[in-house]
């Protein structure tokens, strides 16, 4: 975030969150 701010750039997050059981499998 700080690097983006220093360069006056937007910063977007893509949030992927599968179920824990899927991650473990």
PDBML (XML) file of the C-alpha atoms, coordinates in Angstrom:
<?xml version="1.0" encoding="UTF-8" ?>
<PDBx:datablock datablockName="MODEL"
   xmlns:PDBx="http://pdbml.pdb.org/schema/pdbx-v50.xsd"
   xmlns:xsi="http://www.w3.org/2001/XMLSchema-instance"
   xsi:schemaLocation="http://pdbml.pdb.org/schema/pdbx-v50.xsd pdbx-v50.xsd">
   <PDBx:atom_siteCategory>
      <PDBx:atom_site id="1">
         <PDBx:B_iso_or_equiv>0.00</PDBx:B_iso_or_equiv>
         <PDBx:Cartn_x>0.000</PDBx:Cartn_x>
         <PDBx:Cartn_y>0.000</PDBx:Cartn_y>
         <PDBx:Cartn_z>0.000</PDBx:Cartn_z>
         <PDBx:auth_asym_id>A</PDBx:auth_asym_id>
         <PDBx:auth_atom_id>CA</PDBx:auth_atom_id>
         <PDBx:auth_comp_id>UNK</PDBx:auth_comp_id>
         <PDBx:auth_seq_id>1</PDBx:auth_seq_id>
         <PDBx:group_PDB>ATOM</PDBx:group_PDB>
         <PDBx:label_alt_id xsi:nil="true" />
         <PDBx:label_asym_id>A</PDBx:label_asym_id>
         <PDBx:label_atom_id>CA</PDBx:label_atom_id>
         <PDBx:label_comp_id>UNK</PDBx:label_comp_id>
         <PDBx:label_entity_id>1</PDBx:label_entity_id>
         <PDBx:label_seq_id>1</PDBx:label_seq_id>
         <PDBx:occupancy>1.00</PDBx:occupancy>
         <PDBx:pdbx_PDB_model_num>1</PDBx:pdbx_PDB_model_num>
         <PDBx:type_symbol>C</PDBx:type_symbol>
      </PDBx:atom_site>
      <PDBx:atom_site id="2">
         <PDBx:B_iso_or_equiv>0.00</PDBx:B_iso_or_equiv>
         <PDBx:Cartn_x>2.824</PDBx:Cartn_x>
         <PDBx:Cartn_y>2.400</PDBx:Cartn_y>
         <PDBx:Cartn_z>0.884</PDBx:Cartn_z>
         <PDBx:auth_asym_id>A</PDBx:auth_asym_id>
         <PDBx:auth_atom_id>CA</PDBx:auth_atom_id>
         <PDBx:auth_comp_id>UNK</PDBx:auth_comp_id>
         <PDBx:auth_seq_id>2</PDBx:auth_seq_id>
         <PDBx:group_PDB>ATOM</PDBx:group_PDB>
         <PDBx:label_alt_id xsi:nil="true" />
         <PDBx:label_asym_id>A</PDBx:label_asym_id>
         <PDBx:label_atom_id>CA</PDBx:label_atom_id>
         <PDBx:label_comp_id>UNK</PDBx:label_comp_id>
         <PDBx:label_entity_id>1</PDBx:label_entity_id>
         <PDBx:label_seq_id>2</PDBx:label_seq_id>
         <PDBx:occupancy>1.00</PDBx:occupancy>
         <PDBx:pdbx_PDB_model_num>1</PDBx:pdbx_PDB_model_num>
         <PDBx:type_symbol>C</PDBx:type_symbol>
      </PDBx:atom_site>
      <PDBx:atom_site id="3">
         <PDBx:B_iso_or_equiv>0.00</PDBx:B_iso_or_equiv>
         <PDBx:Cartn_x>4.588</PDBx:Cartn_x>
         <PDBx:Cartn_y>1.771</PDBx:Cartn_y>
         <PDBx:Cartn_z>-2.422</PDBx:Cartn_z>
         <PDBx:auth_asym_id>A</PDBx:auth_asym_id>
         <PDBx:auth_atom_id>CA</PDBx:auth_atom_id>
         <PDBx:auth_comp_id>UNK</PDBx:auth_comp_id>
         <PDBx:auth_seq_id>3</PDBx:auth_seq_id>
         <PDBx:group_PDB>ATOM</PDBx:group_PDB>
         <PDBx:label_alt_id xsi:nil="true" />
         <PDBx:label_asym_id>A</PDBx:label_asym_id>
         <PDBx:label_atom_id>CA</PDBx:label_atom_id>
         <PDBx:label_comp_id>UNK</PDBx:label_comp_id>
         <PDBx:label_entity_id>1</PDBx:label_entity_id>
         <PDBx:label_seq_id>3</PDBx:label_seq_id>
         <PDBx:occupancy>1.00</PDBx:occupancy>
         <PDBx:pdbx_PDB_model_num>1</PDBx:pdbx_PDB_model_num>
         <PDBx:type_symbol>C</PDBx:type_symbol>
      </PDBx:atom_site>
      <PDBx:atom_site id="4">
         <PDBx:B_iso_or_equiv>0.00</PDBx:B_iso_or_equiv>
         <PDBx:Cartn_x>1.379</PDBx:Cartn_x>
         <PDBx:Cartn_y>2.487</PDBx:Cartn_y>
         <PDBx:Cartn_z>-4.345</PDBx:Cartn_z>
         <PDBx:auth_asym_id>A</PDBx:auth_asym_id>
         <PDBx:auth_atom_id>CA</PDBx:auth_atom_id>
         <PDBx:auth_comp_id>UNK</PDBx:auth_comp_id>
         <PDBx:auth_seq_id>4</PDBx:auth_seq_id>
         <PDBx:group_PDB>ATOM</PDBx:group_PDB>
         <PDBx:label_alt_id xsi:nil="true" />
         <PDBx:label_asym_id>A</PDBx:label_asym_id>
         <PDBx:label_atom_id>CA</PDBx:label_atom_id>
         <PDBx:label_comp_id>UNK</PDBx:label_comp_id>
         <PDBx:label_entity_id>1</PDBx:label_entity_id>
         <PDBx:label_seq_id>4</PDBx:label_seq_id>
         <PDBx:occupancy>1.00</PDBx:occupancy>
         <PDBx:pdbx_PDB_model_num>1</PDBx:pdbx_PDB_model_num>
         <PDBx:type_symbol>C</PDBx:type_symbol>
      </PDBx:atom_site>
      <PDBx:atom_site id="5">
         <PDBx:B_iso_or_equiv>0.00</PDBx:B_iso_or_equiv>
         <PDBx:Cartn_x>0.831</PDBx:Cartn_x>
         <PDBx:Cartn_y>5.691</PDBx:Cartn_y>
         <PDBx:Cartn_z>-2.348</PDBx:Cartn_z>
         <PDBx:auth_asym_id>A</PDBx:auth_asym_id>
         <PDBx:auth_atom_id>CA</PDBx:auth_atom_id>
         <PDBx:auth_comp_id>UNK</PDBx:auth_comp_id>
         <PDBx:auth_seq_id>5</PDBx:auth_seq_id>
         <PDBx:group_PDB>ATOM</PDBx:group_PDB>
         <PDBx:label_alt_id xsi:nil="true" />
         <PDBx:label_asym_id>A</PDBx:label_asym_id>
         <PDBx:label_atom_id>CA</PDBx:label_atom_id>
         <PDBx:label_comp_id>UNK</PDBx:label_comp_id>
         <PDBx:label_entity_id>1</PDBx:label_entity_id>
         <PDBx:label_seq_id>5</PDBx:label_seq_id>
         <PDBx:occupancy>1.00</PDBx:occupancy>
         <PDBx:pdbx_PDB_model_num>1</PDBx:pdbx_PDB_model_num>
         <PDBx:type_symbol>C</PDBx:type_symbol>
      </PDBx:atom_site>
      <PDBx:atom_site id="6">
         <PDBx:B_iso_or_equiv>0.00</PDBx:B_iso_or_equiv>
         <PDBx:Cartn_x>4.382</PDBx:Cartn_x>
         <PDBx:Cartn_y>6.892</PDBx:Cartn_y>
         <PDBx:Cartn_z>-3.023</PDBx:Cartn_z>
         <PDBx:auth_asym_id>A</PDBx:auth_asym_id>
         <PDBx:auth_atom_id>CA</PDBx:auth_atom_id>
         <PDBx:auth_comp_id>UNK</PDBx:auth_comp_id>
         <PDBx:auth_seq_id>6</PDBx:auth_seq_id>
         <PDBx:group_PDB>ATOM</PDBx:group_PDB>
         <PDBx:label_alt_id xsi:nil="true" />
         <PDBx:label_asym_id>A</PDBx:label_asym_id>
         <PDBx:label_atom_id>CA</PDBx:label_atom_id>
         <PDBx:label_comp_id>UNK</PDBx:label_comp_id>
         <PDBx:label_entity_id>1</PDBx:label_entity_id>
         <PDBx:label_seq_id>6</PDBx:label_seq_id>
         <PDBx:occupancy>1.00</PDBx:occupancy>
         <PDBx:pdbx_PDB_model_num>1</PDBx:pdbx_PDB_model_num>
         <PDBx:type_symbol>C</PDBx:type_symbol>
      </PDBx:atom_site>
      <PDBx:atom_site id="7">
         <PDBx:B_iso_or_equiv>0.00</PDBx:B_iso_or_equiv>
         <PDBx:Cartn_x>3.668</PDBx:Cartn_x>
         <PDBx:Cartn_y>6.620</PDBx:Cartn_y>
         <PDBx:Cartn_z>-6.750</PDBx:Cartn_z>
         <PDBx:auth_asym_id>A</PDBx:auth_asym_id>
         <PDBx:auth_atom_id>CA</PDBx:auth_atom_id>
         <PDBx:auth_comp_id>UNK</PDBx:auth_comp_id>
         <PDBx:auth_seq_id>7</PDBx:auth_seq_id>
         <PDBx:group_PDB>ATOM</PDBx:group_PDB>
         <PDBx:label_alt_id xsi:nil="true" />
         <PDBx:label_asym_id>A</PDBx:label_asym_id>
         <PDBx:label_atom_id>CA</PDBx:label_atom_id>
         <PDBx:label_comp_id>UNK</PDBx:label_comp_id>
         <PDBx:label_entity_id>1</PDBx:label_entity_id>
         <PDBx:label_seq_id>7</PDBx:label_seq_id>
         <PDBx:occupancy>1.00</PDBx:occupancy>
         <PDBx:pdbx_PDB_model_num>1</PDBx:pdbx_PDB_model_num>
         <PDBx:type_symbol>C</PDBx:type_symbol>
      </PDBx:atom_site>
      <PDBx:atom_site id="8">
         <PDBx:B_iso_or_equiv>0.00</PDBx:B_iso_or_equiv>
         <PDBx:Cartn_x>0.133</PDBx:Cartn_x>
         <PDBx:Cartn_y>8.045</PDBx:Cartn_y>
         <PDBx:Cartn_z>-6.528</PDBx:Cartn_z>
         <PDBx:auth_asym_id>A</PDBx:auth_asym_id>
         <PDBx:auth_atom_id>CA</PDBx:auth_atom_id>
         <PDBx:auth_comp_id>UNK</PDBx:auth_comp_id>
         <PDBx:auth_seq_id>8</PDBx:auth_seq_id>
         <PDBx:group_PDB>ATOM</PDBx:group_PDB>
         <PDBx:label_alt_id xsi:nil="true" />
         <PDBx:label_asym_id>A</PDBx:label_asym_id>
         <PDBx:label_atom_id>CA</PDBx:label_atom_id>
         <PDBx:label_comp_id>UNK</PDBx:label_comp_id>
         <PDBx:label_entity_id>1</PDBx:label_entity_id>
         <PDBx:label_seq_id>8</PDBx:label_seq_id>
         <PDBx:occupancy>1.00</PDBx:occupancy>
         <PDBx:pdbx_PDB_model_num>1</PDBx:pdbx_PDB_model_num>
         <PDBx:type_symbol>C</PDBx:type_symbol>
      </PDBx:atom_site>
      <PDBx:atom_site id="9">
         <PDBx:B_iso_or_equiv>0.00</PDBx:B_iso_or_equiv>
         <PDBx:Cartn_x>-1.321</PDBx:Cartn_x>
         <PDBx:Cartn_y>4.774</PDBx:Cartn_y>
         <PDBx:Cartn_z>-7.805</PDBx:Cartn_z>
         <PDBx:auth_asym_id>A</PDBx:auth_asym_id>
         <PDBx:auth_atom_id>CA</PDBx:auth_atom_id>
         <PDBx:auth_comp_id>UNK</PDBx:auth_comp_id>
         <PDBx:auth_seq_id>9</PDBx:auth_seq_id>
         <PDBx:group_PDB>ATOM</PDBx:group_PDB>
         <PDBx:label_alt_id xsi:nil="true" />
         <PDBx:label_asym_id>A</PDBx:label_asym_id>
         <PDBx:label_atom_id>CA</PDBx:label_atom_id>
         <PDBx:label_comp_id>UNK</PDBx:label_comp_id>
         <PDBx:label_entity_id>1</PDBx:label_entity_id>
         <PDBx:label_seq_id>9</PDBx:label_seq_id>
         <PDBx:occupancy>1.00</PDBx:occupancy>
         <PDBx:pdbx_PDB_model_num>1</PDBx:pdbx_PDB_model_num>
         <PDBx:type_symbol>C</PDBx:type_symbol>
      </PDBx:atom_site>
      <PDBx:atom_site id="10">
         <PDBx:B_iso_or_equiv>0.00</PDBx:B_iso_or_equiv>
         <PDBx:Cartn_x>-4.536</PDBx:Cartn_x>
         <PDBx:Cartn_y>2.997</PDBx:Cartn_y>
         <PDBx:Cartn_z>-6.828</PDBx:Cartn_z>
         <PDBx:auth_asym_id>A</PDBx:auth_asym_id>
         <PDBx:auth_atom_id>CA</PDBx:auth_atom_id>
         <PDBx:auth_comp_id>UNK</PDBx:auth_comp_id>
         <PDBx:auth_seq_id>10</PDBx:auth_seq_id>
         <PDBx:group_PDB>ATOM</PDBx:group_PDB>
         <PDBx:label_alt_id xsi:nil="true" />
         <PDBx:label_asym_id>A</PDBx:label_asym_id>
         <PDBx:label_atom_id>CA</PDBx:label_atom_id>
         <PDBx:label_comp_id>UNK</PDBx:label_comp_id>
         <PDBx:label_entity_id>1</PDBx:label_entity_id>
         <PDBx:label_seq_id>10</PDBx:label_seq_id>
         <PDBx:occupancy>1.00</PDBx:occupancy>
         <PDBx:pdbx_PDB_model_num>1</PDBx:pdbx_PDB_model_num>
         <PDBx:type_symbol>C</PDBx:type_symbol>
      </PDBx:atom_site>
      <PDBx:atom_site id="11">
         <PDBx:B_iso_or_equiv>0.00</PDBx:B_iso_or_equiv>
         <PDBx:Cartn_x>-4.184</PDBx:Cartn_x>
         <PDBx:Cartn_y>-0.411</PDBx:Cartn_y>
         <PDBx:Cartn_z>-5.206</PDBx:Cartn_z>
         <PDBx:auth_asym_id>A</PDBx:auth_asym_id>
         <PDBx:auth_atom_id>CA</PDBx:auth_atom_id>
         <PDBx:auth_comp_id>UNK</PDBx:auth_comp_id>
         <PDBx:auth_seq_id>11</PDBx:auth_seq_id>
         <PDBx:group_PDB>ATOM</PDBx:group_PDB>
         <PDBx:label_alt_id xsi:nil="true" />
         <PDBx:label_asym_id>A</PDBx:label_asym_id>
         <PDBx:label_atom_id>CA</PDBx:label_atom_id>
         <PDBx:label_comp_id>UNK</PDBx:label_comp_id>
         <PDBx:label_entity_id>1</PDBx:label_entity_id>
         <PDBx:label_seq_id>11</PDBx:label_seq_id>
         <PDBx:occupancy>1.00</PDBx:occupancy>
         <PDBx:pdbx_PDB_model_num>1</PDBx:pdbx_PDB_model_num>
         <PDBx:type_symbol>C</PDBx:type_symbol>
      </PDBx:atom_site>
      <PDBx:atom_site id="12">
         <PDBx:B_iso_or_equiv>0.00</PDBx:B_iso_or_equiv>
         <PDBx:Cartn_x>-6.905</PDBx:Cartn_x>
         <PDBx:Cartn_y>-3.034</PDBx:Cartn_y>
         <PDBx:Cartn_z>-5.442</PDBx:Cartn_z>
         <PDBx:auth_asym_id>A</PDBx:auth_asym_id>
         <PDBx:auth_atom_id>CA</PDBx:auth_atom_id>
         <PDBx:auth_comp_id>UNK</PDBx:auth_comp_id>
         <PDBx:auth_seq_id>12</PDBx:auth_seq_id>
         <PDBx:group_PDB>ATOM</PDBx:group_PDB>
         <PDBx:label_alt_id xsi:nil="true" />
         <PDBx:label_asym_id>A</PDBx:label_asym_id>
         <PDBx:label_atom_id>CA</PDBx:label_atom_id>
         <PDBx:label_comp_id>UNK</PDBx:label_comp_id>
         <PDBx:label_entity_id>1</PDBx:label_entity_id>
         <PDBx:label_seq_id>12</PDBx:label_seq_id>
         <PDBx:occupancy>1.00</PDBx:occupancy>
         <PDBx:pdbx_PDB_model_num>1</PDBx:pdbx_PDB_model_num>
         <PDBx:type_symbol>C</PDBx:type_symbol>
      </PDBx:atom_site>
      <PDBx:atom_site id="13">
         <PDBx:B_iso_or_equiv>0.00</PDBx:B_iso_or_equiv>
         <PDBx:Cartn_x>-7.112</PDBx:Cartn_x>
         <PDBx:Cartn_y>-6.319</PDBx:Cartn_y>
         <PDBx:Cartn_z>-3.553</PDBx:Cartn_z>
         <PDBx:auth_asym_id>A</PDBx:auth_asym_id>
         <PDBx:auth_atom_id>CA</PDBx:auth_atom_id>
         <PDBx:auth_comp_id>UNK</PDBx:auth_comp_id>
         <PDBx:auth_seq_id>13</PDBx:auth_seq_id>
         <PDBx:group_PDB>ATOM</PDBx:group_PDB>
         <PDBx:label_alt_id xsi:nil="true" />
         <PDBx:label_asym_id>A</PDBx:label_asym_id>
         <PDBx:label_atom_id>CA</PDBx:label_atom_id>
         <PDBx:label_comp_id>UNK</PDBx:label_comp_id>
         <PDBx:label_entity_id>1</PDBx:label_entity_id>
         <PDBx:label_seq_id>13</PDBx:label_seq_id>
         <PDBx:occupancy>1.00</PDBx:occupancy>
         <PDBx:pdbx_PDB_model_num>1</PDBx:pdbx_PDB_model_num>
         <PDBx:type_symbol>C</PDBx:type_symbol>
      </PDBx:atom_site>
      <PDBx:atom_site id="14">
         <PDBx:B_iso_or_equiv>0.00</PDBx:B_iso_or_equiv>
         <PDBx:Cartn_x>-8.617</PDBx:Cartn_x>
         <PDBx:Cartn_y>-9.460</PDBx:Cartn_y>
         <PDBx:Cartn_z>-5.028</PDBx:Cartn_z>
         <PDBx:auth_asym_id>A</PDBx:auth_asym_id>
         <PDBx:auth_atom_id>CA</PDBx:auth_atom_id>
         <PDBx:auth_comp_id>UNK</PDBx:auth_comp_id>
         <PDBx:auth_seq_id>14</PDBx:auth_seq_id>
         <PDBx:group_PDB>ATOM</PDBx:group_PDB>
         <PDBx:label_alt_id xsi:nil="true" />
         <PDBx:label_asym_id>A</PDBx:label_asym_id>
         <PDBx:label_atom_id>CA</PDBx:label_atom_id>
         <PDBx:label_comp_id>UNK</PDBx:label_comp_id>
         <PDBx:label_entity_id>1</PDBx:label_entity_id>
         <PDBx:label_seq_id>14</PDBx:label_seq_id>
         <PDBx:occupancy>1.00</PDBx:occupancy>
         <PDBx:pdbx_PDB_model_num>1</PDBx:pdbx_PDB_model_num>
         <PDBx:type_symbol>C</PDBx:type_symbol>
      </PDBx:atom_site>
      <PDBx:atom_site id="15">
         <PDBx:B_iso_or_equiv>0.00</PDBx:B_iso_or_equiv>
         <PDBx:Cartn_x>-9.930</PDBx:Cartn_x>
         <PDBx:Cartn_y>-11.530</PDBx:Cartn_y>
         <PDBx:Cartn_z>-2.141</PDBx:Cartn_z>
         <PDBx:auth_asym_id>A</PDBx:auth_asym_id>
         <PDBx:auth_atom_id>CA</PDBx:auth_atom_id>
         <PDBx:auth_comp_id>UNK</PDBx:auth_comp_id>
         <PDBx:auth_seq_id>15</PDBx:auth_seq_id>
         <PDBx:group_PDB>ATOM</PDBx:group_PDB>
         <PDBx:label_alt_id xsi:nil="true" />
         <PDBx:label_asym_id>A</PDBx:label_asym_id>
         <PDBx:label_atom_id>CA</PDBx:label_atom_id>
         <PDBx:label_comp_id>UNK</PDBx:label_comp_id>
         <PDBx:label_entity_id>1</PDBx:label_entity_id>
         <PDBx:label_seq_id>15</PDBx:label_seq_id>
         <PDBx:occupancy>1.00</PDBx:occupancy>
         <PDBx:pdbx_PDB_model_num>1</PDBx:pdbx_PDB_model_num>
         <PDBx:type_symbol>C</PDBx:type_symbol>
      </PDBx:atom_site>
      <PDBx:atom_site id="16">
         <PDBx:B_iso_or_equiv>0.00</PDBx:B_iso_or_equiv>
         <PDBx:Cartn_x>-10.090</PDBx:Cartn_x>
         <PDBx:Cartn_y>-15.291</PDBx:Cartn_y>
         <PDBx:Cartn_z>-2.726</PDBx:Cartn_z>
         <PDBx:auth_asym_id>A</PDBx:auth_asym_id>
         <PDBx:auth_atom_id>CA</PDBx:auth_atom_id>
         <PDBx:auth_comp_id>UNK</PDBx:auth_comp_id>
         <PDBx:auth_seq_id>16</PDBx:auth_seq_id>
         <PDBx:group_PDB>ATOM</PDBx:group_PDB>
         <PDBx:label_alt_id xsi:nil="true" />
         <PDBx:label_asym_id>A</PDBx:label_asym_id>
         <PDBx:label_atom_id>CA</PDBx:label_atom_id>
         <PDBx:label_comp_id>UNK</PDBx:label_comp_id>
         <PDBx:label_entity_id>1</PDBx:label_entity_id>
         <PDBx:label_seq_id>16</PDBx:label_seq_id>
         <PDBx:occupancy>1.00</PDBx:occupancy>
         <PDBx:pdbx_PDB_model_num>1</PDBx:pdbx_PDB_model_num>
         <PDBx:type_symbol>C</PDBx:type_symbol>
      </PDBx:atom_site>
      <PDBx:atom_site id="17">
         <PDBx:B_iso_or_equiv>0.00</PDBx:B_iso_or_equiv>
         <PDBx:Cartn_x>-11.279</PDBx:Cartn_x>
         <PDBx:Cartn_y>-17.283</PDBx:Cartn_y>
         <PDBx:Cartn_z>0.259</PDBx:Cartn_z>
         <PDBx:auth_asym_id>A</PDBx:auth_asym_id>
         <PDBx:auth_atom_id>CA</PDBx:auth_atom_id>
         <PDBx:auth_comp_id>UNK</PDBx:auth_comp_id>
         <PDBx:auth_seq_id>17</PDBx:auth_seq_id>
         <PDBx:group_PDB>ATOM</PDBx:group_PDB>
         <PDBx:label_alt_id xsi:nil="true" />
         <PDBx:label_asym_id>A</PDBx:label_asym_id>
         <PDBx:label_atom_id>CA</PDBx:label_atom_id>
         <PDBx:label_comp_id>UNK</PDBx:label_comp_id>
         <PDBx:label_entity_id>1</PDBx:label_entity_id>
         <PDBx:label_seq_id>17</PDBx:label_seq_id>
         <PDBx:occupancy>1.00</PDBx:occupancy>
         <PDBx:pdbx_PDB_model_num>1</PDBx:pdbx_PDB_model_num>
         <PDBx:type_symbol>C</PDBx:type_symbol>
      </PDBx:atom_site>
      <PDBx:atom_site id="18">
         <PDBx:B_iso_or_equiv>0.00</PDBx:B_iso_or_equiv>
         <PDBx:Cartn_x>-12.234</PDBx:Cartn_x>
         <PDBx:Cartn_y>-20.927</PDBx:Cartn_y>
         <PDBx:Cartn_z>-0.304</PDBx:Cartn_z>
         <PDBx:auth_asym_id>A</PDBx:auth_asym_id>
         <PDBx:auth_atom_id>CA</PDBx:auth_atom_id>
         <PDBx:auth_comp_id>UNK</PDBx:auth_comp_id>
         <PDBx:auth_seq_id>18</PDBx:auth_seq_id>
         <PDBx:group_PDB>ATOM</PDBx:group_PDB>
         <PDBx:label_alt_id xsi:nil="true" />
         <PDBx:label_asym_id>A</PDBx:label_asym_id>
         <PDBx:label_atom_id>CA</PDBx:label_atom_id>
         <PDBx:label_comp_id>UNK</PDBx:label_comp_id>
         <PDBx:label_entity_id>1</PDBx:label_entity_id>
         <PDBx:label_seq_id>18</PDBx:label_seq_id>
         <PDBx:occupancy>1.00</PDBx:occupancy>
         <PDBx:pdbx_PDB_model_num>1</PDBx:pdbx_PDB_model_num>
         <PDBx:type_symbol>C</PDBx:type_symbol>
      </PDBx:atom_site>
      <PDBx:atom_site id="19">
         <PDBx:B_iso_or_equiv>0.00</PDBx:B_iso_or_equiv>
         <PDBx:Cartn_x>-13.431</PDBx:Cartn_x>
         <PDBx:Cartn_y>-23.008</PDBx:Cartn_y>
         <PDBx:Cartn_z>2.628</PDBx:Cartn_z>
         <PDBx:auth_asym_id>A</PDBx:auth_asym_id>
         <PDBx:auth_atom_id>CA</PDBx:auth_atom_id>
         <PDBx:auth_comp_id>UNK</PDBx:auth_comp_id>
         <PDBx:auth_seq_id>19</PDBx:auth_seq_id>
         <PDBx:group_PDB>ATOM</PDBx:group_PDB>
         <PDBx:label_alt_id xsi:nil="true" />
         <PDBx:label_asym_id>A</PDBx:label_asym_id>
         <PDBx:label_atom_id>CA</PDBx:label_atom_id>
         <PDBx:label_comp_id>UNK</PDBx:label_comp_id>
         <PDBx:label_entity_id>1</PDBx:label_entity_id>
         <PDBx:label_seq_id>19</PDBx:label_seq_id>
         <PDBx:occupancy>1.00</PDBx:occupancy>
         <PDBx:pdbx_PDB_model_num>1</PDBx:pdbx_PDB_model_num>
         <PDBx:type_symbol>C</PDBx:type_symbol>
      </PDBx:atom_site>
      <PDBx:atom_site id="20">
         <PDBx:B_iso_or_equiv>0.00</PDBx:B_iso_or_equiv>
         <PDBx:Cartn_x>-10.697</PDBx:Cartn_x>
         <PDBx:Cartn_y>-24.301</PDBx:Cartn_y>
         <PDBx:Cartn_z>4.908</PDBx:Cartn_z>
         <PDBx:auth_asym_id>A</PDBx:auth_asym_id>
         <PDBx:auth_atom_id>CA</PDBx:auth_atom_id>
         <PDBx:auth_comp_id>UNK</PDBx:auth_comp_id>
         <PDBx:auth_seq_id>20</PDBx:auth_seq_id>
         <PDBx:group_PDB>ATOM</PDBx:group_PDB>
         <PDBx:label_alt_id xsi:nil="true" />
         <PDBx:label_asym_id>A</PDBx:label_asym_id>
         <PDBx:label_atom_id>CA</PDBx:label_atom_id>
         <PDBx:label_comp_id>UNK</PDBx:label_comp_id>
         <PDBx:label_entity_id>1</PDBx:label_entity_id>
         <PDBx:label_seq_id>20</PDBx:label_seq_id>
         <PDBx:occupancy>1.00</PDBx:occupancy>
         <PDBx:pdbx_PDB_model_num>1</PDBx:pdbx_PDB_model_num>
         <PDBx:type_symbol>C</PDBx:type_symbol>
      </PDBx:atom_site>
      <PDBx:atom_site id="21">
         <PDBx:B_iso_or_equiv>0.00</PDBx:B_iso_or_equiv>
         <PDBx:Cartn_x>-11.745</PDBx:Cartn_x>
         <PDBx:Cartn_y>-27.874</PDBx:Cartn_y>
         <PDBx:Cartn_z>4.091</PDBx:Cartn_z>
         <PDBx:auth_asym_id>A</PDBx:auth_asym_id>
         <PDBx:auth_atom_id>CA</PDBx:auth_atom_id>
         <PDBx:auth_comp_id>UNK</PDBx:auth_comp_id>
         <PDBx:auth_seq_id>21</PDBx:auth_seq_id>
         <PDBx:group_PDB>ATOM</PDBx:group_PDB>
         <PDBx:label_alt_id xsi:nil="true" />
         <PDBx:label_asym_id>A</PDBx:label_asym_id>
         <PDBx:label_atom_id>CA</PDBx:label_atom_id>
         <PDBx:label_comp_id>UNK</PDBx:label_comp_id>
         <PDBx:label_entity_id>1</PDBx:label_entity_id>
         <PDBx:label_seq_id>21</PDBx:label_seq_id>
         <PDBx:occupancy>1.00</PDBx:occupancy>
         <PDBx:pdbx_PDB_model_num>1</PDBx:pdbx_PDB_model_num>
         <PDBx:type_symbol>C</PDBx:type_symbol>
      </PDBx:atom_site>
      <PDBx:atom_site id="22">
         <PDBx:B_iso_or_equiv>0.00</PDBx:B_iso_or_equiv>
         <PDBx:Cartn_x>-11.171</PDBx:Cartn_x>
         <PDBx:Cartn_y>-27.155</PDBx:Cartn_y>
         <PDBx:Cartn_z>0.378</PDBx:Cartn_z>
         <PDBx:auth_asym_id>A</PDBx:auth_asym_id>
         <PDBx:auth_atom_id>CA</PDBx:auth_atom_id>
         <PDBx:auth_comp_id>UNK</PDBx:auth_comp_id>
         <PDBx:auth_seq_id>22</PDBx:auth_seq_id>
         <PDBx:group_PDB>ATOM</PDBx:group_PDB>
         <PDBx:label_alt_id xsi:nil="true" />
         <PDBx:label_asym_id>A</PDBx:label_asym_id>
         <PDBx:label_atom_id>CA</PDBx:label_atom_id>
         <PDBx:label_comp_id>UNK</PDBx:label_comp_id>
         <PDBx:label_entity_id>1</PDBx:label_entity_id>
         <PDBx:label_seq_id>22</PDBx:label_seq_id>
         <PDBx:occupancy>1.00</PDBx:occupancy>
         <PDBx:pdbx_PDB_model_num>1</PDBx:pdbx_PDB_model_num>
         <PDBx:type_symbol>C</PDBx:type_symbol>
      </PDBx:atom_site>
      <PDBx:atom_site id="23">
         <PDBx:B_iso_or_equiv>0.00</PDBx:B_iso_or_equiv>
         <PDBx:Cartn_x>-7.725</PDBx:Cartn_x>
         <PDBx:Cartn_y>-25.698</PDBx:Cartn_y>
         <PDBx:Cartn_z>1.125</PDBx:Cartn_z>
         <PDBx:auth_asym_id>A</PDBx:auth_asym_id>
         <PDBx:auth_atom_id>CA</PDBx:auth_atom_id>
         <PDBx:auth_comp_id>UNK</PDBx:auth_comp_id>
         <PDBx:auth_seq_id>23</PDBx:auth_seq_id>
         <PDBx:group_PDB>ATOM</PDBx:group_PDB>
         <PDBx:label_alt_id xsi:nil="true" />
         <PDBx:label_asym_id>A</PDBx:label_asym_id>
         <PDBx:label_atom_id>CA</PDBx:label_atom_id>
         <PDBx:label_comp_id>UNK</PDBx:label_comp_id>
         <PDBx:label_entity_id>1</PDBx:label_entity_id>
         <PDBx:label_seq_id>23</PDBx:label_seq_id>
         <PDBx:occupancy>1.00</PDBx:occupancy>
         <PDBx:pdbx_PDB_model_num>1</PDBx:pdbx_PDB_model_num>
         <PDBx:type_symbol>C</PDBx:type_symbol>
      </PDBx:atom_site>
      <PDBx:atom_site id="24">
         <PDBx:B_iso_or_equiv>0.00</PDBx:B_iso_or_equiv>
         <PDBx:Cartn_x>-6.757</PDBx:Cartn_x>
         <PDBx:Cartn_y>-28.711</PDBx:Cartn_y>
         <PDBx:Cartn_z>3.230</PDBx:Cartn_z>
         <PDBx:auth_asym_id>A</PDBx:auth_asym_id>
         <PDBx:auth_atom_id>CA</PDBx:auth_atom_id>
         <PDBx:auth_comp_id>UNK</PDBx:auth_comp_id>
         <PDBx:auth_seq_id>24</PDBx:auth_seq_id>
         <PDBx:group_PDB>ATOM</PDBx:group_PDB>
         <PDBx:label_alt_id xsi:nil="true" />
         <PDBx:label_asym_id>A</PDBx:label_asym_id>
         <PDBx:label_atom_id>CA</PDBx:label_atom_id>
         <PDBx:label_comp_id>UNK</PDBx:label_comp_id>
         <PDBx:label_entity_id>1</PDBx:label_entity_id>
         <PDBx:label_seq_id>24</PDBx:label_seq_id>
         <PDBx:occupancy>1.00</PDBx:occupancy>
         <PDBx:pdbx_PDB_model_num>1</PDBx:pdbx_PDB_model_num>
         <PDBx:type_symbol>C</PDBx:type_symbol>
      </PDBx:atom_site>
      <PDBx:atom_site id="25">
         <PDBx:B_iso_or_equiv>0.00</PDBx:B_iso_or_equiv>
         <PDBx:Cartn_x>-7.998</PDBx:Cartn_x>
         <PDBx:Cartn_y>-31.168</PDBx:Cartn_y>
         <PDBx:Cartn_z>0.592</PDBx:Cartn_z>
         <PDBx:auth_asym_id>A</PDBx:auth_asym_id>
         <PDBx:auth_atom_id>CA</PDBx:auth_atom_id>
         <PDBx:auth_comp_id>UNK</PDBx:auth_comp_id>
         <PDBx:auth_seq_id>25</PDBx:auth_seq_id>
         <PDBx:group_PDB>ATOM</PDBx:group_PDB>
         <PDBx:label_alt_id xsi:nil="true" />
         <PDBx:label_asym_id>A</PDBx:label_asym_id>
         <PDBx:label_atom_id>CA</PDBx:label_atom_id>
         <PDBx:label_comp_id>UNK</PDBx:label_comp_id>
         <PDBx:label_entity_id>1</PDBx:label_entity_id>
         <PDBx:label_seq_id>25</PDBx:label_seq_id>
         <PDBx:occupancy>1.00</PDBx:occupancy>
         <PDBx:pdbx_PDB_model_num>1</PDBx:pdbx_PDB_model_num>
         <PDBx:type_symbol>C</PDBx:type_symbol>
      </PDBx:atom_site>
   </PDBx:atom_siteCategory>
</PDBx:datablock>
